[in-house]
């Protein structure tokens, strides 16, 4: 591939041609809205918020403060453990 094309791709997207998006990056593009911790604990939730993936709507900083781990670390946990953590933090 020509170097100028690859260079322009890196500048426009911030990624190399063969670099994959993380699941979190893809989900954030699909669900770009962010809410505060208080907004996500309040009921009723904003229209369109997926209650089974409520943590997606937190900023990375808010997520790390509340969950005491990164989103990548959280999503590496078994589903049952993710659910228990969300319950203990009041997101159910």
PDB file of N, CA and C in Angstrom:
ATOM      1  N   UNK A   1       0.859  -1.169   0.000  1.00  0.00           N
ATOM      2  CA  UNK A   1       0.000   0.000   0.000  1.00  0.00           C
ATOM      3  C   UNK A   1       0.898   1.221   0.000  1.00  0.00           C
ATOM      4  N   UNK A   2       0.436   2.298  -0.616  1.00  0.00           N
ATOM      5  CA  UNK A   2       1.303   3.462  -0.706  1.00  0.00           C
ATOM      6  C   UNK A   2       1.337   4.205   0.621  1.00  0.00           C
ATOM      7  N   UNK A   3       2.542   4.760   0.918  1.00  0.00           N
ATOM      8  CA  UNK A   3       2.769   5.391   2.220  1.00  0.00           C
ATOM      9  C   UNK A   3       1.915   6.629   2.439  1.00  0.00           C
ATOM     10  N   UNK A   4       1.636   7.387   1.390  1.00  0.00           N
ATOM     11  CA  UNK A   4       0.842   8.597   1.569  1.00  0.00           C
ATOM     12  C   UNK A   4      -0.597   8.256   1.945  1.00  0.00           C
ATOM     13  N   UNK A   5      -1.148   7.171   1.358  1.00  0.00           N
ATOM     14  CA  UNK A   5      -2.506   6.750   1.705  1.00  0.00           C
ATOM     15  C   UNK A   5      -2.555   6.289   3.153  1.00  0.00           C
ATOM     16  N   UNK A   6      -1.579   5.460   3.532  1.00  0.00           N
ATOM     17  CA  UNK A   6      -1.551   4.963   4.906  1.00  0.00           C
ATOM     18  C   UNK A   6      -1.358   6.105   5.888  1.00  0.00           C
ATOM     19  N   UNK A   7      -0.503   7.054   5.556  1.00  0.00           N
ATOM     20  CA  UNK A   7      -0.265   8.197   6.419  1.00  0.00           C
ATOM     21  C   UNK A   7      -1.526   9.047   6.573  1.00  0.00           C
ATOM     22  N   UNK A   8      -2.254   9.257   5.474  1.00  0.00           N
ATOM     23  CA  UNK A   8      -3.474  10.052   5.555  1.00  0.00           C
ATOM     24  C   UNK A   8      -4.558   9.318   6.334  1.00  0.00           C
ATOM     25  N   UNK A   9      -4.590   7.989   6.247  1.00  0.00           N
ATOM     26  CA  UNK A   9      -5.558   7.208   7.012  1.00  0.00           C
ATOM     27  C   UNK A   9      -5.274   7.319   8.506  1.00  0.00           C
ATOM     28  N   UNK A  10      -4.021   7.255   8.878  1.00  0.00           N
ATOM     29  CA  UNK A  10      -3.649   7.383  10.289  1.00  0.00           C
ATOM     30  C   UNK A  10      -4.037   8.759  10.797  1.00  0.00           C
ATOM     31  N   UNK A  11      -3.794   9.807   9.993  1.00  0.00           N
ATOM     32  CA  UNK A  11      -4.136  11.166  10.418  1.00  0.00           C
ATOM     33  C   UNK A  11      -5.644  11.345  10.551  1.00  0.00           C
ATOM     34  N   UNK A  12      -6.428  10.783   9.641  1.00  0.00           N
ATOM     35  CA  UNK A  12      -7.873  11.024   9.668  1.00  0.00           C
ATOM     36  C   UNK A  12      -8.597  10.184  10.711  1.00  0.00           C
ATOM     37  N   UNK A  13      -8.134   8.969  10.969  1.00  0.00           N
ATOM     38  CA  UNK A  13      -8.838   8.094  11.911  1.00  0.00           C
ATOM     39  C   UNK A  13      -8.081   7.864  13.208  1.00  0.00           C
ATOM     40  N   UNK A  14      -6.783   8.134  13.190  1.00  0.00           N
ATOM     41  CA  UNK A  14      -5.968   7.861  14.365  1.00  0.00           C
ATOM     42  C   UNK A  14      -5.569   6.402  14.465  1.00  0.00           C
ATOM     43  N   UNK A  15      -5.851   5.613  13.429  1.00  0.00           N
ATOM     44  CA  UNK A  15      -5.556   4.181  13.450  1.00  0.00           C
ATOM     45  C   UNK A  15      -4.822   3.766  12.188  1.00  0.00           C
ATOM     46  N   UNK A  16      -4.016   2.730  12.317  1.00  0.00           N
ATOM     47  CA  UNK A  16      -3.393   2.127  11.149  1.00  0.00           C
ATOM     48  C   UNK A  16      -4.444   1.329  10.400  1.00  0.00           C
ATOM     49  N   UNK A  17      -4.176   1.022   9.157  1.00  0.00           N
ATOM     50  CA  UNK A  17      -5.157   0.313   8.335  1.00  0.00           C
ATOM     51  C   UNK A  17      -5.566  -1.028   8.928  1.00  0.00           C
ATOM     52  N   UNK A  18      -4.629  -1.752   9.536  1.00  0.00           N
ATOM     53  CA  UNK A  18      -4.933  -3.086  10.055  1.00  0.00           C
ATOM     54  C   UNK A  18      -5.320  -3.075  11.538  1.00  0.00           C
ATOM     55  N   UNK A  19      -5.414  -1.899  12.149  1.00  0.00           N
ATOM     56  CA  UNK A  19      -5.749  -1.804  13.570  1.00  0.00           C
ATOM     57  C   UNK A  19      -7.256  -1.933  13.768  1.00  0.00           C
ATOM     58  N   UNK A  20      -7.650  -2.828  14.661  1.00  0.00           N
ATOM     59  CA  UNK A  20      -9.070  -3.079  14.944  1.00  0.00           C
ATOM     60  C   UNK A  20      -9.577  -2.154  16.043  1.00  0.00           C
ATOM     61  N   UNK A  21     -10.867  -1.854  15.992  1.00  0.00           N
ATOM     62  CA  UNK A  21     -11.514  -1.089  17.057  1.00  0.00           C
ATOM     63  C   UNK A  21     -11.804  -2.021  18.223  1.00  0.00           C
ATOM     64  N   UNK A  22     -11.719  -1.495  19.434  1.00  0.00           N
ATOM     65  CA  UNK A  22     -12.127  -2.294  20.583  1.00  0.00           C
ATOM     66  C   UNK A  22     -13.652  -2.308  20.637  1.00  0.00           C
ATOM     67  N   UNK A  23     -14.198  -3.262  21.322  1.00  0.00           N
ATOM     68  CA  UNK A  23     -15.648  -3.359  21.483  1.00  0.00           C
ATOM     69  C   UNK A  23     -16.180  -2.086  22.135  1.00  0.00           C
ATOM     70  N   UNK A  24     -15.468  -1.596  23.107  1.00  0.00           N
ATOM     71  CA  UNK A  24     -15.909  -0.394  23.803  1.00  0.00           C
ATOM     72  C   UNK A  24     -15.943   0.798  22.855  1.00  0.00           C
ATOM     73  N   UNK A  25     -14.905   0.951  22.010  1.00  0.00           N
ATOM     74  CA  UNK A  25     -14.892   2.047  21.041  1.00  0.00           C
ATOM     75  C   UNK A  25     -16.087   1.954  20.105  1.00  0.00           C
ATOM     76  N   UNK A  26     -16.382   0.754  19.644  1.00  0.00           N
ATOM     77  CA  UNK A  26     -17.510   0.574  18.719  1.00  0.00           C
ATOM     78  C   UNK A  26     -18.827   0.899  19.418  1.00  0.00           C
ATOM     79  N   UNK A  27     -18.995   0.449  20.640  1.00  0.00           N
ATOM     80  CA  UNK A  27     -20.228   0.714  21.372  1.00  0.00           C
ATOM     81  C   UNK A  27     -20.395   2.195  21.684  1.00  0.00           C
ATOM     82  N   UNK A  28     -19.311   2.866  22.002  1.00  0.00           N
ATOM     83  CA  UNK A  28     -19.401   4.291  22.286  1.00  0.00           C
ATOM     84  C   UNK A  28     -19.815   5.076  21.042  1.00  0.00           C
ATOM     85  N   UNK A  29     -19.398   4.610  19.875  1.00  0.00           N
ATOM     86  CA  UNK A  29     -19.834   5.276  18.651  1.00  0.00           C
ATOM     87  C   UNK A  29     -21.311   5.017  18.395  1.00  0.00           C
ATOM     88  N   UNK A  30     -21.778   3.825  18.745  1.00  0.00           N
ATOM     89  CA  UNK A  30     -23.186   3.499  18.554  1.00  0.00           C
ATOM     90  C   UNK A  30     -24.069   4.159  19.615  1.00  0.00           C
ATOM     91  N   UNK A  31     -23.539   4.354  20.795  1.00  0.00           N
ATOM     92  CA  UNK A  31     -24.280   4.954  21.920  1.00  0.00           C
ATOM     93  C   UNK A  31     -23.472   6.134  22.454  1.00  0.00           C
ATOM     94  N   UNK A  32     -23.414   7.222  21.715  1.00  0.00           N
ATOM     95  CA  UNK A  32     -22.502   8.297  22.086  1.00  0.00           C
ATOM     96  C   UNK A  32     -22.925   9.099  23.312  1.00  0.00           C
ATOM     97  N   UNK A  33     -24.148   8.968  23.778  1.00  0.00           N
ATOM     98  CA  UNK A  33     -24.602   9.756  24.916  1.00  0.00           C
ATOM     99  C   UNK A  33     -23.936   9.292  26.203  1.00  0.00           C
ATOM    100  N   UNK A  34     -23.600  10.260  27.039  1.00  0.00           N
ATOM    101  CA  UNK A  34     -23.061   9.948  28.354  1.00  0.00           C
ATOM    102  C   UNK A  34     -23.931  10.602  29.406  1.00  0.00           C
ATOM    103  N   UNK A  35     -24.039   9.936  30.531  1.00  0.00           N
ATOM    104  CA  UNK A  35     -24.822  10.428  31.646  1.00  0.00           C
ATOM    105  C   UNK A  35     -23.971  10.366  32.898  1.00  0.00           C
ATOM    106  N   UNK A  36     -24.333  11.150  33.892  1.00  0.00           N
ATOM    107  CA  UNK A  36     -23.635  11.100  35.173  1.00  0.00           C
ATOM    108  C   UNK A  36     -24.103   9.862  35.945  1.00  0.00           C
ATOM    109  N   UNK A  37     -23.367   9.555  36.991  1.00  0.00           N
ATOM    110  CA  UNK A  37     -23.725   8.426  37.847  1.00  0.00           C
ATOM    111  C   UNK A  37     -25.119   8.639  38.437  1.00  0.00           C
ATOM    112  N   UNK A  38     -25.386   9.856  38.886  1.00  0.00           N
ATOM    113  CA  UNK A  38     -26.679  10.169  39.505  1.00  0.00           C
ATOM    114  C   UNK A  38     -27.824   9.997  38.501  1.00  0.00           C
ATOM    115  N   UNK A  39     -27.610  10.434  37.272  1.00  0.00           N
ATOM    116  CA  UNK A  39     -28.648  10.303  36.248  1.00  0.00           C
ATOM    117  C   UNK A  39     -28.952   8.840  35.942  1.00  0.00           C
ATOM    118  N   UNK A  40     -27.933   7.996  35.987  1.00  0.00           N
ATOM    119  CA  UNK A  40     -28.132   6.585  35.676  1.00  0.00           C
ATOM    120  C   UNK A  40     -28.737   5.807  36.832  1.00  0.00           C
ATOM    121  N   UNK A  41     -28.648   6.344  38.030  1.00  0.00           N
ATOM    122  CA  UNK A  41     -29.289   5.697  39.186  1.00  0.00           C
ATOM    123  C   UNK A  41     -30.732   6.161  39.348  1.00  0.00           C
ATOM    124  N   UNK A  42     -31.049   7.308  38.789  1.00  0.00           N
ATOM    125  CA  UNK A  42     -32.403   7.869  38.924  1.00  0.00           C
ATOM    126  C   UNK A  42     -33.380   7.085  38.051  1.00  0.00           C
ATOM    127  N   UNK A  43     -34.620   7.045  38.492  1.00  0.00           N
ATOM    128  CA  UNK A  43     -35.679   6.407  37.704  1.00  0.00           C
ATOM    129  C   UNK A  43     -36.807   7.383  37.543  1.00  0.00           C
ATOM    130  N   UNK A  44     -37.415   7.469  36.409  1.00  0.00           N
ATOM    131  CA  UNK A  44     -37.142   6.678  35.211  1.00  0.00           C
ATOM    132  C   UNK A  44     -35.880   7.170  34.501  1.00  0.00           C
ATOM    133  N   UNK A  45     -35.249   6.250  33.774  1.00  0.00           N
ATOM    134  CA  UNK A  45     -34.071   6.586  32.985  1.00  0.00           C
ATOM    135  C   UNK A  45     -34.483   7.364  31.740  1.00  0.00           C
ATOM    136  N   UNK A  46     -33.513   8.042  31.161  1.00  0.00           N
ATOM    137  CA  UNK A  46     -33.757   8.759  29.911  1.00  0.00           C
ATOM    138  C   UNK A  46     -34.194   7.768  28.834  1.00  0.00           C
ATOM    139  N   UNK A  47     -35.042   8.230  27.942  1.00  0.00           N
ATOM    140  CA  UNK A  47     -35.528   7.378  26.860  1.00  0.00           C
ATOM    141  C   UNK A  47     -34.353   6.890  26.019  1.00  0.00           C
ATOM    142  N   UNK A  48     -34.361   5.617  25.702  1.00  0.00           N
ATOM    143  CA  UNK A  48     -33.327   5.034  24.855  1.00  0.00           C
ATOM    144  C   UNK A  48     -32.158   4.433  25.609  1.00  0.00           C
ATOM    145  N   UNK A  49     -32.089   4.608  26.927  1.00  0.00           N
ATOM    146  CA  UNK A  49     -30.993   4.028  27.700  1.00  0.00           C
ATOM    147  C   UNK A  49     -31.246   2.532  27.847  1.00  0.00           C
ATOM    148  N   UNK A  50     -30.269   1.747  27.446  1.00  0.00           N
ATOM    149  CA  UNK A  50     -30.348   0.292  27.548  1.00  0.00           C
ATOM    150  C   UNK A  50     -30.011  -0.102  28.984  1.00  0.00           C
ATOM    151  N   UNK A  51     -31.003  -0.522  29.736  1.00  0.00           N
ATOM    152  CA  UNK A  51     -30.798  -0.815  31.158  1.00  0.00           C
ATOM    153  C   UNK A  51     -29.866  -2.000  31.406  1.00  0.00           C
ATOM    154  N   UNK A  52     -29.736  -2.897  30.447  1.00  0.00           N
ATOM    155  CA  UNK A  52     -28.836  -4.034  30.654  1.00  0.00           C
ATOM    156  C   UNK A  52     -27.373  -3.652  30.423  1.00  0.00           C
ATOM    157  N   UNK A  53     -27.133  -2.510  29.812  1.00  0.00           N
ATOM    158  CA  UNK A  53     -25.767  -2.038  29.559  1.00  0.00           C
ATOM    159  C   UNK A  53     -25.602  -0.608  30.066  1.00  0.00           C
ATOM    160  N   UNK A  54     -26.163  -0.339  31.212  1.00  0.00           N
ATOM    161  CA  UNK A  54     -26.208   1.019  31.755  1.00  0.00           C
ATOM    162  C   UNK A  54     -24.813   1.617  31.944  1.00  0.00           C
ATOM    163  N   UNK A  55     -23.831   0.782  32.206  1.00  0.00           N
ATOM    164  CA  UNK A  55     -22.467   1.271  32.440  1.00  0.00           C
ATOM    165  C   UNK A  55     -21.843   1.885  31.186  1.00  0.00           C
ATOM    166  N   UNK A  56     -22.356   1.541  30.003  1.00  0.00           N
ATOM    167  CA  UNK A  56     -21.833   2.118  28.752  1.00  0.00           C
ATOM    168  C   UNK A  56     -21.959   3.628  28.738  1.00  0.00           C
ATOM    169  N   UNK A  57     -22.936   4.151  29.428  1.00  0.00           N
ATOM    170  CA  UNK A  57     -23.252   5.579  29.373  1.00  0.00           C
ATOM    171  C   UNK A  57     -22.391   6.429  30.303  1.00  0.00           C
ATOM    172  N   UNK A  58     -21.545   5.798  31.113  1.00  0.00           N
ATOM    173  CA  UNK A  58     -20.642   6.530  31.990  1.00  0.00           C
ATOM    174  C   UNK A  58     -19.385   6.931  31.232  1.00  0.00           C
ATOM    175  N   UNK A  59     -18.848   8.095  31.543  1.00  0.00           N
ATOM    176  CA  UNK A  59     -17.547   8.470  30.986  1.00  0.00           C
ATOM    177  C   UNK A  59     -16.513   7.502  31.556  1.00  0.00           C
ATOM    178  N   UNK A  60     -15.365   7.413  30.906  1.00  0.00           N
ATOM    179  CA  UNK A  60     -14.307   6.528  31.405  1.00  0.00           C
ATOM    180  C   UNK A  60     -13.893   6.913  32.824  1.00  0.00           C
ATOM    181  N   UNK A  61     -13.801   8.219  33.092  1.00  0.00           N
ATOM    182  CA  UNK A  61     -13.413   8.673  34.436  1.00  0.00           C
ATOM    183  C   UNK A  61     -14.449   8.290  35.486  1.00  0.00           C
ATOM    184  N   UNK A  62     -15.736   8.560  35.182  1.00  0.00           N
ATOM    185  CA  UNK A  62     -16.804   8.199  36.125  1.00  0.00           C
ATOM    186  C   UNK A  62     -16.855   6.689  36.341  1.00  0.00           C
ATOM    187  N   UNK A  63     -16.679   5.942  35.264  1.00  0.00           N
ATOM    188  CA  UNK A  63     -16.699   4.483  35.370  1.00  0.00           C
ATOM    189  C   UNK A  63     -15.596   4.027  36.320  1.00  0.00           C
ATOM    190  N   UNK A  64     -14.393   4.528  36.100  1.00  0.00           N
ATOM    191  CA  UNK A  64     -13.267   4.085  36.926  1.00  0.00           C
ATOM    192  C   UNK A  64     -13.445   4.507  38.386  1.00  0.00           C
ATOM    193  N   UNK A  65     -13.965   5.690  38.621  1.00  0.00           N
ATOM    194  CA  UNK A  65     -14.213   6.130  40.008  1.00  0.00           C
ATOM    195  C   UNK A  65     -15.233   5.233  40.692  1.00  0.00           C
ATOM    196  N   UNK A  66     -16.293   4.904  39.989  1.00  0.00           N
ATOM    197  CA  UNK A  66     -17.388   4.143  40.593  1.00  0.00           C
ATOM    198  C   UNK A  66     -17.073   2.646  40.687  1.00  0.00           C
ATOM    199  N   UNK A  67     -16.531   2.077  39.609  1.00  0.00           N
ATOM    200  CA  UNK A  67     -16.301   0.631  39.548  1.00  0.00           C
ATOM    201  C   UNK A  67     -14.914   0.228  40.049  1.00  0.00           C
ATOM    202  N   UNK A  68     -14.029   1.198  40.207  1.00  0.00           N
ATOM    203  CA  UNK A  68     -12.649   0.966  40.662  1.00  0.00           C
ATOM    204  C   UNK A  68     -11.884   0.023  39.740  1.00  0.00           C
ATOM    205  N   UNK A  69     -12.184   0.139  38.453  1.00  0.00           N
ATOM    206  CA  UNK A  69     -11.477  -0.614  37.414  1.00  0.00           C
ATOM    207  C   UNK A  69     -11.811   0.043  36.084  1.00  0.00           C
ATOM    208  N   UNK A  70     -11.063  -0.296  35.063  1.00  0.00           N
ATOM    209  CA  UNK A  70     -11.349   0.248  33.738  1.00  0.00           C
ATOM    210  C   UNK A  70     -12.503  -0.531  33.112  1.00  0.00           C
ATOM    211  N   UNK A  71     -13.067   0.018  32.057  1.00  0.00           N
ATOM    212  CA  UNK A  71     -14.136  -0.686  31.349  1.00  0.00           C
ATOM    213  C   UNK A  71     -13.611  -1.988  30.762  1.00  0.00           C
ATOM    214  N   UNK A  72     -12.393  -1.982  30.235  1.00  0.00           N
ATOM    215  CA  UNK A  72     -11.826  -3.216  29.683  1.00  0.00           C
ATOM    216  C   UNK A  72     -11.706  -4.294  30.756  1.00  0.00           C
ATOM    217  N   UNK A  73     -11.264  -3.918  31.944  1.00  0.00           N
ATOM    218  CA  UNK A  73     -11.151  -4.881  33.049  1.00  0.00           C
ATOM    219  C   UNK A  73     -12.535  -5.413  33.433  1.00  0.00           C
ATOM    220  N   UNK A  74     -13.512  -4.525  33.485  1.00  0.00           N
ATOM    221  CA  UNK A  74     -14.880  -4.930  33.828  1.00  0.00           C
ATOM    222  C   UNK A  74     -15.430  -5.919  32.806  1.00  0.00           C
ATOM    223  N   UNK A  75     -15.275  -5.622  31.517  1.00  0.00           N
ATOM    224  CA  UNK A  75     -15.837  -6.487  30.481  1.00  0.00           C
ATOM    225  C   UNK A  75     -15.085  -7.811  30.339  1.00  0.00           C
ATOM    226  N   UNK A  76     -13.914  -7.894  30.938  1.00  0.00           N
ATOM    227  CA  UNK A  76     -13.182  -9.165  30.937  1.00  0.00           C
ATOM    228  C   UNK A  76     -13.710 -10.115  32.014  1.00  0.00           C
ATOM    229  N   UNK A  77     -14.496  -9.590  32.952  1.00  0.00           N
ATOM    230  CA  UNK A  77     -15.064 -10.414  34.025  1.00  0.00           C
ATOM    231  C   UNK A  77     -16.214 -11.260  33.492  1.00  0.00           C
ATOM    232  N   UNK A  78     -16.507 -12.386  34.154  1.00  0.00           N
ATOM    233  CA  UNK A  78     -17.687 -13.172  33.774  1.00  0.00           C
ATOM    234  C   UNK A  78     -18.959 -12.340  33.940  1.00  0.00           C
ATOM    235  N   UNK A  79     -19.964 -12.627  33.138  1.00  0.00           N
ATOM    236  CA  UNK A  79     -21.210 -11.863  33.141  1.00  0.00           C
ATOM    237  C   UNK A  79     -21.851 -11.813  34.526  1.00  0.00           C
ATOM    238  N   UNK A  80     -21.847 -12.936  35.236  1.00  0.00           N
ATOM    239  CA  UNK A  80     -22.475 -12.966  36.562  1.00  0.00           C
ATOM    240  C   UNK A  80     -21.788 -12.010  37.525  1.00  0.00           C
ATOM    241  N   UNK A  81     -20.466 -11.890  37.382  1.00  0.00           N
ATOM    242  CA  UNK A  81     -19.719 -10.998  38.261  1.00  0.00           C
ATOM    243  C   UNK A  81     -20.004  -9.534  37.898  1.00  0.00           C
ATOM    244  N   UNK A  82     -20.116  -9.241  36.612  1.00  0.00           N
ATOM    245  CA  UNK A  82     -20.484  -7.884  36.175  1.00  0.00           C
ATOM    246  C   UNK A  82     -21.843  -7.504  36.771  1.00  0.00           C
ATOM    247  N   UNK A  83     -22.791  -8.434  36.701  1.00  0.00           N
ATOM    248  CA  UNK A  83     -24.139  -8.192  37.220  1.00  0.00           C
ATOM    249  C   UNK A  83     -24.101  -7.921  38.718  1.00  0.00           C
ATOM    250  N   UNK A  84     -23.356  -8.726  39.460  1.00  0.00           N
ATOM    251  CA  UNK A  84     -23.257  -8.533  40.912  1.00  0.00           C
ATOM    252  C   UNK A  84     -22.635  -7.185  41.260  1.00  0.00           C
ATOM    253  N   UNK A  85     -21.632  -6.768  40.504  1.00  0.00           N
ATOM    254  CA  UNK A  85     -20.998  -5.470  40.749  1.00  0.00           C
ATOM    255  C   UNK A  85     -21.995  -4.348  40.487  1.00  0.00           C
ATOM    256  N   UNK A  86     -22.717  -4.433  39.370  1.00  0.00           N
ATOM    257  CA  UNK A  86     -23.700  -3.394  39.056  1.00  0.00           C
ATOM    258  C   UNK A  86     -24.794  -3.326  40.111  1.00  0.00           C
ATOM    259  N   UNK A  87     -25.226  -4.474  40.617  1.00  0.00           N
ATOM    260  CA  UNK A  87     -26.233  -4.499  41.684  1.00  0.00           C
ATOM    261  C   UNK A  87     -25.705  -3.814  42.943  1.00  0.00           C
ATOM    262  N   UNK A  88     -24.463  -4.147  43.312  1.00  0.00           N
ATOM    263  CA  UNK A  88     -23.899  -3.580  44.543  1.00  0.00           C
ATOM    264  C   UNK A  88     -23.688  -2.067  44.440  1.00  0.00           C
ATOM    265  N   UNK A  89     -23.571  -1.555  43.230  1.00  0.00           N
ATOM    266  CA  UNK A  89     -23.367  -0.121  43.022  1.00  0.00           C
ATOM    267  C   UNK A  89     -24.688   0.630  42.774  1.00  0.00           C
ATOM    268  N   UNK A  90     -25.799  -0.096  42.807  1.00  0.00           N
ATOM    269  CA  UNK A  90     -27.096   0.551  42.687  1.00  0.00           C
ATOM    270  C   UNK A  90     -27.535   0.860  41.262  1.00  0.00           C
ATOM    271  N   UNK A  91     -27.046   0.100  40.307  1.00  0.00           N
ATOM    272  CA  UNK A  91     -27.438   0.321  38.923  1.00  0.00           C
ATOM    273  C   UNK A  91     -28.566  -0.609  38.475  1.00  0.00           C
ATOM    274  N   UNK A  92     -29.177  -1.309  39.423  1.00  0.00           N
ATOM    275  CA  UNK A  92     -30.352  -2.152  39.122  1.00  0.00           C
ATOM    276  C   UNK A  92     -31.493  -1.722  39.989  1.00  0.00           C
TER     277      UNK A  92
END
